[in-house]
Amino acid sequence: MRLKLNEAQLNALRAFLDHFDDAEQLSAREYVVDLYDIARPISLDLVFVKGGVGVDGAAELKFDEEQDGWYMGERLDSAAEVLDALVEAGAIER
């Protein structure tokens, strides 16, 4: 899926990812980020492309109390859900 973001949103997202503890830059254009502190925690694989951001992977994160750790849950296929999560996390504004 692809997120159509304006220039200000793209810049804000890149700045957020560059300074966010749970984001890892894999290449000049690709980041993996885990958003634990939102209502529905998710993990994202984001790739900056011309005019937007590609989402190569998106899944909810579930916590297992017995194992005391996080695991991947249901896959997300909705760009709207991903955008809502990024807004809730403070990465972008609408």
Protein backbone atom coordinates (compact mmCIF):
# COMPACT_ATOMS: atom_id res chain seq x y z
CA MET A 1 0.00 0.00 0.00
CA ARG A 2 1.05 3.58 -0.45
CA LEU A 3 0.49 6.63 1.74
CA LYS A 4 0.07 9.87 -0.15
CA LEU A 5 1.67 12.52 2.01
CA ASN A 6 2.42 16.14 1.28
CA GLU A 7 5.95 17.54 1.58
CA ALA A 8 5.43 18.78 5.14
CA GLN A 9 4.12 15.37 6.24
CA LEU A 10 7.01 13.57 4.54
CA ASN A 11 9.53 15.82 6.29
CA ALA A 12 7.78 15.40 9.65
CA LEU A 13 7.67 11.62 9.26
CA ARG A 14 11.34 11.37 8.35
CA ALA A 15 12.30 13.60 11.32
CA PHE A 16 10.14 11.49 13.63
CA LEU A 17 11.72 8.25 12.41
CA ASP A 18 15.26 9.66 12.65
CA HIS A 19 14.76 10.46 16.36
CA PHE A 20 12.33 7.76 17.51
CA ASP A 21 13.89 5.07 19.72
CA ASP A 22 11.79 2.25 18.26
CA ALA A 23 12.62 3.05 14.62
CA GLU A 24 15.50 1.52 12.72
CA GLN A 25 16.81 2.90 9.44
CA LEU A 26 17.56 -0.01 7.10
CA SER A 27 18.69 2.08 4.12
CA ALA A 28 18.56 5.68 2.94
CA ARG A 29 14.86 5.22 2.15
CA GLU A 30 13.63 2.37 4.38
CA TYR A 31 12.67 2.27 8.05
CA VAL A 32 11.14 -0.29 10.37
CA VAL A 33 9.22 1.20 13.28
CA ASP A 34 7.26 -0.25 16.19
CA LEU A 35 4.59 2.01 17.65
CA TYR A 36 3.91 0.52 21.08
CA ASP A 37 2.34 3.54 22.80
CA ILE A 38 -0.82 3.91 20.75
CA ALA A 39 -4.28 2.38 21.29
CA ARG A 40 -3.59 -0.44 18.80
CA PRO A 41 0.20 -0.97 18.70
CA ILE A 42 1.59 -1.72 15.24
CA SER A 43 4.83 -2.49 13.43
CA LEU A 44 5.57 -0.89 10.06
CA ASP A 45 8.09 -1.28 7.26
CA LEU A 46 8.11 2.09 5.49
CA VAL A 47 9.89 3.01 2.25
CA PHE A 48 10.11 6.63 1.09
CA VAL A 49 9.19 6.85 -2.60
CA LYS A 50 8.51 9.76 -4.91
CA GLY A 51 5.41 11.58 -3.68
CA GLY A 52 4.75 9.44 -0.65
CA VAL A 53 5.63 6.46 1.46
CA GLY A 54 5.24 2.81 0.57
CA VAL A 55 4.17 0.46 3.34
CA ASP A 56 5.95 -2.83 2.64
CA GLY A 57 4.52 -4.38 5.79
CA ALA A 58 2.10 -3.48 8.55
CA ALA A 59 0.86 -5.62 11.41
CA GLU A 60 -0.63 -5.10 14.82
CA LEU A 61 1.55 -5.93 17.80
CA LYS A 62 0.25 -8.12 20.60
CA PHE A 63 1.78 -8.54 24.05
CA ASP A 64 2.11 -11.98 25.62
CA GLU A 65 2.22 -11.61 29.39
CA GLU A 66 3.44 -15.18 29.94
CA GLN A 67 6.38 -14.69 27.60
CA ASP A 68 6.74 -11.03 28.61
CA GLY A 69 7.20 -10.00 25.00
CA TRP A 70 5.62 -8.65 21.85
CA TYR A 71 4.64 -10.63 18.76
CA MET A 72 3.08 -9.88 15.37
CA GLY A 73 -0.67 -10.13 15.21
CA GLU A 74 -3.12 -9.46 12.41
CA ARG A 75 -1.82 -7.91 9.20
CA LEU A 76 -3.07 -4.41 8.36
CA ASP A 77 -4.21 -3.74 4.80
CA SER A 78 -5.75 -0.30 5.25
CA ALA A 79 -3.82 2.86 4.47
CA ALA A 80 -6.32 4.77 6.63
CA GLU A 81 -5.42 2.63 9.67
CA VAL A 82 -1.71 3.23 9.10
CA LEU A 83 -2.25 6.99 8.71
CA ASP A 84 -4.37 7.08 11.88
CA ALA A 85 -1.61 5.26 13.79
CA LEU A 86 1.06 7.68 12.55
CA VAL A 87 -1.08 10.64 13.57
CA GLU A 88 -1.79 9.10 17.00
CA ALA A 89 1.94 8.48 17.51
CA GLY A 90 2.72 12.11 16.70
CA ALA A 91 4.67 11.30 13.53
CA ILE A 92 2.49 13.40 11.21
CA GLU A 93 -0.40 15.84 11.31
CA ARG A 94 -3.40 15.73 9.03
